[in-house]
All heavy atoms as atom14 arrays in JSON, in Angstrom:
{
  "sequence": "TDLTPHLTAHGVDGTVLVQSSSSYEETAELLALTAAAGPVRGVV",
  "atom14_mask": [
    [1, 1, 1, 1, 1, 1, 1, 0, 0, 0, 0, 0, 0, 0],
    [1, 1, 1, 1, 1, 1, 1, 1, 0, 0, 0, 0, 0, 0],
    [1, 1, 1, 1, 1, 1, 1, 1, 0, 0, 0, 0, 0, 0],
    [1, 1, 1, 1, 1, 1, 1, 0, 0, 0, 0, 0, 0, 0],
    [1, 1, 1, 1, 1, 1, 1, 0, 0, 0, 0, 0, 0, 0],
    [1, 1, 1, 1, 1, 1, 1, 1, 1, 1, 0, 0, 0, 0],
    [1, 1, 1, 1, 1, 1, 1, 1, 0, 0, 0, 0, 0, 0],
    [1, 1, 1, 1, 1, 1, 1, 0, 0, 0, 0, 0, 0, 0],
    [1, 1, 1, 1, 1, 0, 0, 0, 0, 0, 0, 0, 0, 0],
    [1, 1, 1, 1, 1, 1, 1, 1, 1, 1, 0, 0, 0, 0],
    [1, 1, 1, 1, 0, 0, 0, 0, 0, 0, 0, 0, 0, 0],
    [1, 1, 1, 1, 1, 1, 1, 0, 0, 0, 0, 0, 0, 0],
    [1, 1, 1, 1, 1, 1, 1, 1, 0, 0, 0, 0, 0, 0],
    [1, 1, 1, 1, 0, 0, 0, 0, 0, 0, 0, 0, 0, 0],
    [1, 1, 1, 1, 1, 1, 1, 0, 0, 0, 0, 0, 0, 0],
    [1, 1, 1, 1, 1, 1, 1, 0, 0, 0, 0, 0, 0, 0],
    [1, 1, 1, 1, 1, 1, 1, 1, 0, 0, 0, 0, 0, 0],
    [1, 1, 1, 1, 1, 1, 1, 0, 0, 0, 0, 0, 0, 0],
    [1, 1, 1, 1, 1, 1, 1, 1, 1, 0, 0, 0, 0, 0],
    [1, 1, 1, 1, 1, 1, 0, 0, 0, 0, 0, 0, 0, 0],
    [1, 1, 1, 1, 1, 1, 0, 0, 0, 0, 0, 0, 0, 0],
    [1, 1, 1, 1, 1, 1, 0, 0, 0, 0, 0, 0, 0, 0],
    [1, 1, 1, 1, 1, 1, 0, 0, 0, 0, 0, 0, 0, 0],
    [1, 1, 1, 1, 1, 1, 1, 1, 1, 1, 1, 1, 0, 0],
    [1, 1, 1, 1, 1, 1, 1, 1, 1, 0, 0, 0, 0, 0],
    [1, 1, 1, 1, 1, 1, 1, 1, 1, 0, 0, 0, 0, 0],
    [1, 1, 1, 1, 1, 1, 1, 0, 0, 0, 0, 0, 0, 0],
    [1, 1, 1, 1, 1, 0, 0, 0, 0, 0, 0, 0, 0, 0],
    [1, 1, 1, 1, 1, 1, 1, 1, 1, 0, 0, 0, 0, 0],
    [1, 1, 1, 1, 1, 1, 1, 1, 0, 0, 0, 0, 0, 0],
    [1, 1, 1, 1, 1, 1, 1, 1, 0, 0, 0, 0, 0, 0],
    [1, 1, 1, 1, 1, 0, 0, 0, 0, 0, 0, 0, 0, 0],
    [1, 1, 1, 1, 1, 1, 1, 1, 0, 0, 0, 0, 0, 0],
    [1, 1, 1, 1, 1, 1, 1, 0, 0, 0, 0, 0, 0, 0],
    [1, 1, 1, 1, 1, 0, 0, 0, 0, 0, 0, 0, 0, 0],
    [1, 1, 1, 1, 1, 0, 0, 0, 0, 0, 0, 0, 0, 0],
    [1, 1, 1, 1, 1, 0, 0, 0, 0, 0, 0, 0, 0, 0],
    [1, 1, 1, 1, 0, 0, 0, 0, 0, 0, 0, 0, 0, 0],
    [1, 1, 1, 1, 1, 1, 1, 0, 0, 0, 0, 0, 0, 0],
    [1, 1, 1, 1, 1, 1, 1, 0, 0, 0, 0, 0, 0, 0],
    [1, 1, 1, 1, 1, 1, 1, 1, 1, 1, 1, 0, 0, 0],
    [1, 1, 1, 1, 0, 0, 0, 0, 0, 0, 0, 0, 0, 0],
    [1, 1, 1, 1, 1, 1, 1, 0, 0, 0, 0, 0, 0, 0],
    [1, 1, 1, 1, 1, 1, 1, 0, 0, 0, 0, 0, 0, 0]
  ],
  "atom14_positions": [
    [[3.04, 101.8, 96.78], [3.39, 102.97, 95.98], [2.69, 104.24, 96.47], [3.16, 105.34, 96.21], [3.04, 102.73, 94.5], [1.67, 102.29, 94.4], [3.95, 101.68, 93.89], [0.0, 0.0, 0.0], [0.0, 0.0, 0.0], [0.0, 0.0, 0.0], [0.0, 0.0, 0.0], [0.0, 0.0, 0.0], [0.0, 0.0, 0.0], [0.0, 0.0, 0.0]],
    [[1.57, 104.07, 97.19], [0.89, 105.24, 97.76], [1.65, 105.77, 98.98], [1.61, 106.96, 99.27], [-0.53, 104.88, 98.18], [-1.4, 104.45, 97.01], [-1.41, 105.18, 96.0], [-2.05, 103.4, 97.1], [0.0, 0.0, 0.0], [0.0, 0.0, 0.0], [0.0, 0.0, 0.0], [0.0, 0.0, 0.0], [0.0, 0.0, 0.0], [0.0, 0.0, 0.0]],
    [[2.31, 104.86, 99.69], [3.03, 105.25, 100.91], [4.43, 105.76, 100.62], [4.92, 106.66, 101.32], [3.11, 104.04, 101.85], [3.94, 104.2, 103.12], [3.37, 105.3, 104.01], [4.03, 102.88, 103.88], [0.0, 0.0, 0.0], [0.0, 0.0, 0.0], [0.0, 0.0, 0.0], [0.0, 0.0, 0.0], [0.0, 0.0, 0.0], [0.0, 0.0, 0.0]],
    [[5.09, 105.22, 99.63], [6.51, 105.49, 99.4], [6.85, 106.98, 99.34], [7.87, 107.39, 99.92], [6.98, 104.78, 98.12], [6.74, 103.37, 98.27], [8.46, 105.0, 97.89], [0.0, 0.0, 0.0], [0.0, 0.0, 0.0], [0.0, 0.0, 0.0], [0.0, 0.0, 0.0], [0.0, 0.0, 0.0], [0.0, 0.0, 0.0], [0.0, 0.0, 0.0]],
    [[6.08, 107.84, 98.68], [6.45, 109.26, 98.66], [6.52, 109.88, 100.05], [7.36, 110.74, 100.31], [5.33, 109.9, 97.82], [4.82, 108.79, 96.96], [4.91, 107.57, 97.81], [0.0, 0.0, 0.0], [0.0, 0.0, 0.0], [0.0, 0.0, 0.0], [0.0, 0.0, 0.0], [0.0, 0.0, 0.0], [0.0, 0.0, 0.0], [0.0, 0.0, 0.0]],
    [[5.65, 109.44, 100.97], [5.69, 109.95, 102.34], [6.97, 109.5, 103.04], [7.6, 110.27, 103.78], [4.47, 109.48, 103.12], [3.16, 109.92, 102.55], [2.81, 111.25, 102.47], [2.13, 109.21, 102.02], [1.6, 111.34, 101.93], [1.18, 110.12, 101.64], [0.0, 0.0, 0.0], [0.0, 0.0, 0.0], [0.0, 0.0, 0.0], [0.0, 0.0, 0.0]],
    [[7.35, 108.26, 102.83], [8.57, 107.74, 103.44], [9.78, 108.52, 102.94], [10.65, 108.92, 103.73], [8.74, 106.25, 103.14], [7.58, 105.32, 103.53], [7.93, 103.88, 103.16], [7.26, 105.43, 105.01], [0.0, 0.0, 0.0], [0.0, 0.0, 0.0], [0.0, 0.0, 0.0], [0.0, 0.0, 0.0], [0.0, 0.0, 0.0], [0.0, 0.0, 0.0]],
    [[9.84, 108.73, 101.64], [10.97, 109.45, 101.05], [11.05, 110.87, 101.58], [12.14, 111.37, 101.92], [10.84, 109.46, 99.53], [10.81, 108.11, 99.04], [12.0, 110.2, 98.88], [0.0, 0.0, 0.0], [0.0, 0.0, 0.0], [0.0, 0.0, 0.0], [0.0, 0.0, 0.0], [0.0, 0.0, 0.0], [0.0, 0.0, 0.0], [0.0, 0.0, 0.0]],
    [[9.9, 111.53, 101.69], [9.87, 112.92, 102.14], [10.37, 113.08, 103.57], [10.87, 114.15, 103.94], [8.45, 113.47, 102.01], [0.0, 0.0, 0.0], [0.0, 0.0, 0.0], [0.0, 0.0, 0.0], [0.0, 0.0, 0.0], [0.0, 0.0, 0.0], [0.0, 0.0, 0.0], [0.0, 0.0, 0.0], [0.0, 0.0, 0.0], [0.0, 0.0, 0.0]],
    [[10.25, 112.03, 104.38], [10.61, 112.13, 105.8], [11.8, 111.25, 106.16], [12.05, 111.0, 107.34], [9.4, 111.8, 106.66], [8.29, 112.8, 106.5], [8.3, 114.03, 107.1], [7.16, 112.76, 105.76], [7.22, 114.71, 106.76], [6.51, 113.95, 105.94], [0.0, 0.0, 0.0], [0.0, 0.0, 0.0], [0.0, 0.0, 0.0], [0.0, 0.0, 0.0]],
    [[12.53, 110.81, 105.15], [13.76, 110.07, 105.39], [13.55, 108.73, 106.07], [14.43, 108.28, 106.81], [0.0, 0.0, 0.0], [0.0, 0.0, 0.0], [0.0, 0.0, 0.0], [0.0, 0.0, 0.0], [0.0, 0.0, 0.0], [0.0, 0.0, 0.0], [0.0, 0.0, 0.0], [0.0, 0.0, 0.0], [0.0, 0.0, 0.0], [0.0, 0.0, 0.0]],
    [[12.42, 108.09, 105.83], [12.14, 106.79, 106.44], [12.75, 105.69, 105.57], [12.43, 105.57, 104.39], [10.62, 106.57, 106.61], [10.33, 105.19, 107.16], [10.04, 107.64, 107.53], [0.0, 0.0, 0.0], [0.0, 0.0, 0.0], [0.0, 0.0, 0.0], [0.0, 0.0, 0.0], [0.0, 0.0, 0.0], [0.0, 0.0, 0.0], [0.0, 0.0, 0.0]],
    [[13.61, 104.88, 106.19], [14.34, 103.85, 105.46], [13.61, 102.52, 105.4], [13.81, 101.74, 104.47], [15.7, 103.62, 106.11], [16.5, 104.9, 106.24], [16.89, 105.45, 105.2], [16.72, 105.36, 107.37], [0.0, 0.0, 0.0], [0.0, 0.0, 0.0], [0.0, 0.0, 0.0], [0.0, 0.0, 0.0], [0.0, 0.0, 0.0], [0.0, 0.0, 0.0]],
    [[12.82, 102.22, 106.43], [12.17, 100.92, 106.5], [10.87, 101.01, 107.27], [10.63, 101.97, 108.0], [0.0, 0.0, 0.0], [0.0, 0.0, 0.0], [0.0, 0.0, 0.0], [0.0, 0.0, 0.0], [0.0, 0.0, 0.0], [0.0, 0.0, 0.0], [0.0, 0.0, 0.0], [0.0, 0.0, 0.0], [0.0, 0.0, 0.0], [0.0, 0.0, 0.0]],
    [[10.04, 99.98, 107.12], [8.73, 99.99, 107.77], [8.38, 98.62, 108.3], [8.94, 97.59, 107.9], [7.61, 100.41, 106.79], [7.38, 99.35, 105.84], [7.95, 101.7, 106.05], [0.0, 0.0, 0.0], [0.0, 0.0, 0.0], [0.0, 0.0, 0.0], [0.0, 0.0, 0.0], [0.0, 0.0, 0.0], [0.0, 0.0, 0.0], [0.0, 0.0, 0.0]],
    [[7.42, 98.63, 109.23], [6.78, 97.4, 109.69], [5.33, 97.47, 109.21], [4.59, 98.39, 109.57], [6.84, 97.27, 111.22], [6.1, 96.01, 111.67], [8.29, 97.23, 111.69], [0.0, 0.0, 0.0], [0.0, 0.0, 0.0], [0.0, 0.0, 0.0], [0.0, 0.0, 0.0], [0.0, 0.0, 0.0], [0.0, 0.0, 0.0], [0.0, 0.0, 0.0]],
    [[4.94, 96.52, 108.4], [3.61, 96.45, 107.81], [2.73, 95.57, 108.7], [3.1, 94.44, 109.01], [3.72, 95.88, 106.39], [2.45, 95.6, 105.6], [1.55, 96.82, 105.54], [2.82, 95.14, 104.19], [0.0, 0.0, 0.0], [0.0, 0.0, 0.0], [0.0, 0.0, 0.0], [0.0, 0.0, 0.0], [0.0, 0.0, 0.0], [0.0, 0.0, 0.0]],
    [[1.58, 96.1, 109.1], [0.73, 95.44, 110.09], [-0.59, 95.01, 109.46], [-1.2, 95.74, 108.68], [0.47, 96.38, 111.28], [-0.39, 95.71, 112.36], [1.8, 96.83, 111.9], [0.0, 0.0, 0.0], [0.0, 0.0, 0.0], [0.0, 0.0, 0.0], [0.0, 0.0, 0.0], [0.0, 0.0, 0.0], [0.0, 0.0, 0.0], [0.0, 0.0, 0.0]],
    [[-1.04, 93.82, 109.84], [-2.28, 93.26, 109.33], [-3.47, 94.18, 109.62], [-3.46, 94.96, 110.57], [-2.55, 91.9, 109.95], [-2.72, 91.86, 111.47], [-4.13, 92.19, 111.96], [-4.27, 92.94, 112.91], [-5.15, 91.61, 111.35], [0.0, 0.0, 0.0], [0.0, 0.0, 0.0], [0.0, 0.0, 0.0], [0.0, 0.0, 0.0], [0.0, 0.0, 0.0]],
    [[-4.5, 94.04, 108.8], [-5.74, 94.78, 109.05], [-6.97, 93.89, 109.01], [-8.06, 94.35, 109.33], [-5.91, 95.92, 108.02], [-5.84, 95.43, 106.7], [0.0, 0.0, 0.0], [0.0, 0.0, 0.0], [0.0, 0.0, 0.0], [0.0, 0.0, 0.0], [0.0, 0.0, 0.0], [0.0, 0.0, 0.0], [0.0, 0.0, 0.0], [0.0, 0.0, 0.0]],
    [[-6.81, 92.62, 108.63], [-7.94, 91.69, 108.66], [-7.47, 90.34, 109.2], [-6.28, 90.02, 109.16], [-8.56, 91.5, 107.27], [-7.68, 90.79, 106.41], [0.0, 0.0, 0.0], [0.0, 0.0, 0.0], [0.0, 0.0, 0.0], [0.0, 0.0, 0.0], [0.0, 0.0, 0.0], [0.0, 0.0, 0.0], [0.0, 0.0, 0.0], [0.0, 0.0, 0.0]],
    [[-8.41, 89.57, 109.72], [-8.1, 88.27, 110.31], [-8.04, 87.22, 109.21], [-8.98, 86.45, 109.02], [-9.15, 87.91, 111.37], [-9.17, 88.88, 112.39], [0.0, 0.0, 0.0], [0.0, 0.0, 0.0], [0.0, 0.0, 0.0], [0.0, 0.0, 0.0], [0.0, 0.0, 0.0], [0.0, 0.0, 0.0], [0.0, 0.0, 0.0], [0.0, 0.0, 0.0]],
    [[-6.91, 87.18, 108.52], [-6.83, 86.36, 107.31], [-5.4, 85.9, 107.09], [-4.48, 86.72, 107.0], [-7.3, 87.18, 106.11], [-6.9, 86.61, 104.89], [0.0, 0.0, 0.0], [0.0, 0.0, 0.0], [0.0, 0.0, 0.0], [0.0, 0.0, 0.0], [0.0, 0.0, 0.0], [0.0, 0.0, 0.0], [0.0, 0.0, 0.0], [0.0, 0.0, 0.0]],
    [[-5.21, 84.58, 107.01], [-3.91, 84.06, 106.63], [-3.54, 84.48, 105.2], [-2.38, 84.69, 104.89], [-3.89, 82.53, 106.72], [-3.74, 82.0, 108.13], [-4.75, 81.24, 108.71], [-2.58, 82.24, 108.86], [-4.61, 80.73, 110.0], [-2.44, 81.73, 110.15], [-3.45, 80.99, 110.71], [-3.3, 80.49, 111.98], [0.0, 0.0, 0.0], [0.0, 0.0, 0.0]],
    [[-4.56, 84.57, 104.35], [-4.31, 84.95, 102.96], [-3.74, 86.36, 102.88], [-2.79, 86.62, 102.14], [-5.59, 84.84, 102.14], [-6.09, 83.42, 101.92], [-6.77, 82.85, 103.16], [-7.15, 83.63, 104.07], [-6.91, 81.6, 103.23], [0.0, 0.0, 0.0], [0.0, 0.0, 0.0], [0.0, 0.0, 0.0], [0.0, 0.0, 0.0], [0.0, 0.0, 0.0]],
    [[-4.33, 87.29, 103.65], [-3.8, 88.66, 103.65], [-2.37, 88.67, 104.17], [-1.49, 89.34, 103.62], [-4.66, 89.58, 104.51], [-4.12, 91.01, 104.53], [-4.68, 91.86, 105.67], [-4.37, 91.56, 106.84], [-5.39, 92.83, 105.37], [0.0, 0.0, 0.0], [0.0, 0.0, 0.0], [0.0, 0.0, 0.0], [0.0, 0.0, 0.0], [0.0, 0.0, 0.0]],
    [[-2.12, 87.91, 105.25], [-0.77, 87.87, 105.81], [0.24, 87.4, 104.79], [1.33, 87.98, 104.65], [-0.75, 86.97, 107.06], [-1.59, 87.54, 108.07], [0.65, 86.82, 107.61], [0.0, 0.0, 0.0], [0.0, 0.0, 0.0], [0.0, 0.0, 0.0], [0.0, 0.0, 0.0], [0.0, 0.0, 0.0], [0.0, 0.0, 0.0], [0.0, 0.0, 0.0]],
    [[-0.09, 86.37, 104.02], [0.82, 85.87, 102.98], [1.06, 86.93, 101.91], [2.19, 87.08, 101.41], [0.26, 84.59, 102.37], [0.0, 0.0, 0.0], [0.0, 0.0, 0.0], [0.0, 0.0, 0.0], [0.0, 0.0, 0.0], [0.0, 0.0, 0.0], [0.0, 0.0, 0.0], [0.0, 0.0, 0.0], [0.0, 0.0, 0.0], [0.0, 0.0, 0.0]],
    [[0.02, 87.66, 101.55], [0.18, 88.72, 100.54], [1.09, 89.83, 101.04], [1.93, 90.36, 100.3], [-1.2, 89.29, 100.17], [-2.07, 88.31, 99.41], [-3.55, 88.69, 99.46], [-3.88, 89.79, 99.93], [-4.39, 87.86, 99.05], [0.0, 0.0, 0.0], [0.0, 0.0, 0.0], [0.0, 0.0, 0.0], [0.0, 0.0, 0.0], [0.0, 0.0, 0.0]],
    [[0.94, 90.2, 102.31], [1.79, 91.24, 102.88], [3.24, 90.76, 102.96], [4.18, 91.52, 102.72], [1.29, 91.63, 104.27], [-0.13, 92.2, 104.35], [-0.48, 92.55, 105.8], [-0.3, 93.41, 103.45], [0.0, 0.0, 0.0], [0.0, 0.0, 0.0], [0.0, 0.0, 0.0], [0.0, 0.0, 0.0], [0.0, 0.0, 0.0], [0.0, 0.0, 0.0]],
    [[3.42, 89.49, 103.3], [4.77, 88.95, 103.41], [5.5, 88.95, 102.07], [6.73, 89.04, 102.03], [4.73, 87.53, 103.99], [4.43, 87.45, 105.48], [4.1, 86.02, 105.89], [5.61, 87.97, 106.29], [0.0, 0.0, 0.0], [0.0, 0.0, 0.0], [0.0, 0.0, 0.0], [0.0, 0.0, 0.0], [0.0, 0.0, 0.0], [0.0, 0.0, 0.0]],
    [[4.75, 88.86, 100.99], [5.38, 88.9, 99.67], [6.13, 90.21, 99.46], [7.11, 90.26, 98.69], [4.33, 88.69, 98.58], [0.0, 0.0, 0.0], [0.0, 0.0, 0.0], [0.0, 0.0, 0.0], [0.0, 0.0, 0.0], [0.0, 0.0, 0.0], [0.0, 0.0, 0.0], [0.0, 0.0, 0.0], [0.0, 0.0, 0.0], [0.0, 0.0, 0.0]],
    [[5.7, 91.27, 100.13], [6.34, 92.57, 99.96], [7.71, 92.62, 100.62], [8.54, 93.46, 100.27], [5.45, 93.68, 100.53], [4.13, 93.9, 99.79], [3.27, 94.89, 100.54], [4.39, 94.38, 98.37], [0.0, 0.0, 0.0], [0.0, 0.0, 0.0], [0.0, 0.0, 0.0], [0.0, 0.0, 0.0], [0.0, 0.0, 0.0], [0.0, 0.0, 0.0]],
    [[7.97, 91.74, 101.58], [9.29, 91.74, 102.22], [10.35, 91.11, 101.32], [11.55, 91.31, 101.54], [9.27, 90.98, 103.57], [9.03, 89.59, 103.33], [8.2, 91.54, 104.48], [0.0, 0.0, 0.0], [0.0, 0.0, 0.0], [0.0, 0.0, 0.0], [0.0, 0.0, 0.0], [0.0, 0.0, 0.0], [0.0, 0.0, 0.0], [0.0, 0.0, 0.0]],
    [[9.91, 90.35, 100.32], [10.85, 89.7, 99.42], [11.34, 90.64, 98.33], [12.35, 90.38, 97.67], [10.21, 88.46, 98.78], [0.0, 0.0, 0.0], [0.0, 0.0, 0.0], [0.0, 0.0, 0.0], [0.0, 0.0, 0.0], [0.0, 0.0, 0.0], [0.0, 0.0, 0.0], [0.0, 0.0, 0.0], [0.0, 0.0, 0.0], [0.0, 0.0, 0.0]],
    [[10.64, 91.75, 98.14], [11.01, 92.71, 97.11], [12.0, 93.73, 97.67], [12.15, 93.88, 98.88], [9.76, 93.42, 96.58], [0.0, 0.0, 0.0], [0.0, 0.0, 0.0], [0.0, 0.0, 0.0], [0.0, 0.0, 0.0], [0.0, 0.0, 0.0], [0.0, 0.0, 0.0], [0.0, 0.0, 0.0], [0.0, 0.0, 0.0], [0.0, 0.0, 0.0]],
    [[12.69, 94.42, 96.78], [13.62, 95.47, 97.21], [12.81, 96.72, 97.51], [12.57, 97.54, 96.64], [14.65, 95.74, 96.11], [0.0, 0.0, 0.0], [0.0, 0.0, 0.0], [0.0, 0.0, 0.0], [0.0, 0.0, 0.0], [0.0, 0.0, 0.0], [0.0, 0.0, 0.0], [0.0, 0.0, 0.0], [0.0, 0.0, 0.0], [0.0, 0.0, 0.0]],
    [[12.37, 96.83, 98.73], [11.54, 97.97, 99.12], [11.68, 98.26, 100.59], [12.53, 97.68, 101.27], [0.0, 0.0, 0.0], [0.0, 0.0, 0.0], [0.0, 0.0, 0.0], [0.0, 0.0, 0.0], [0.0, 0.0, 0.0], [0.0, 0.0, 0.0], [0.0, 0.0, 0.0], [0.0, 0.0, 0.0], [0.0, 0.0, 0.0], [0.0, 0.0, 0.0]],
    [[10.83, 99.13, 101.13], [11.01, 99.56, 102.51], [10.49, 98.59, 103.56], [10.83, 98.73, 104.73], [10.21, 100.87, 102.55], [9.13, 100.68, 101.53], [9.77, 99.87, 100.43], [0.0, 0.0, 0.0], [0.0, 0.0, 0.0], [0.0, 0.0, 0.0], [0.0, 0.0, 0.0], [0.0, 0.0, 0.0], [0.0, 0.0, 0.0], [0.0, 0.0, 0.0]],
    [[9.64, 97.62, 103.2], [9.02, 96.76, 104.2], [10.06, 95.78, 104.75], [10.53, 94.89, 104.05], [7.83, 95.98, 103.62], [7.23, 95.06, 104.69], [6.76, 96.96, 103.12], [0.0, 0.0, 0.0], [0.0, 0.0, 0.0], [0.0, 0.0, 0.0], [0.0, 0.0, 0.0], [0.0, 0.0, 0.0], [0.0, 0.0, 0.0], [0.0, 0.0, 0.0]],
    [[10.42, 95.96, 106.02], [11.44, 95.12, 106.66], [10.83, 93.91, 107.36], [11.51, 92.92, 107.62], [12.24, 95.93, 107.67], [13.01, 97.1, 107.07], [14.15, 96.62, 106.18], [15.08, 97.69, 105.86], [14.99, 98.49, 104.8], [13.98, 98.32, 103.96], [15.87, 99.43, 104.58], [0.0, 0.0, 0.0], [0.0, 0.0, 0.0], [0.0, 0.0, 0.0]],
    [[9.57, 94.01, 107.71], [8.91, 92.9, 108.39], [7.42, 93.11, 108.43], [6.92, 94.22, 108.24], [0.0, 0.0, 0.0], [0.0, 0.0, 0.0], [0.0, 0.0, 0.0], [0.0, 0.0, 0.0], [0.0, 0.0, 0.0], [0.0, 0.0, 0.0], [0.0, 0.0, 0.0], [0.0, 0.0, 0.0], [0.0, 0.0, 0.0], [0.0, 0.0, 0.0]],
    [[6.69, 92.02, 108.68], [5.23, 92.04, 108.71], [4.74, 91.53, 110.06], [5.22, 90.49, 110.55], [4.64, 91.16, 107.58], [3.13, 90.96, 107.77], [4.93, 91.8, 106.22], [0.0, 0.0, 0.0], [0.0, 0.0, 0.0], [0.0, 0.0, 0.0], [0.0, 0.0, 0.0], [0.0, 0.0, 0.0], [0.0, 0.0, 0.0], [0.0, 0.0, 0.0]],
    [[3.82, 92.27, 110.66], [3.05, 91.76, 111.8], [1.74, 91.26, 111.21], [0.88, 92.05, 110.82], [2.8, 92.86, 112.85], [1.88, 92.34, 113.95], [4.12, 93.33, 113.45], [0.0, 0.0, 0.0], [0.0, 0.0, 0.0], [0.0, 0.0, 0.0], [0.0, 0.0, 0.0], [0.0, 0.0, 0.0], [0.0, 0.0, 0.0], [0.0, 0.0, 0.0]]
  ]
}
């Protein structure tokens, strides 16, 4: 929700969300965002 206003302002339709810690748990949490109706199209 912090990022979405920036995406809207610049006509960004989708994003690639990238890991920031060495954690399978974090990766699973990020992947949950791809299941929702939102801009995240994939996770690295």
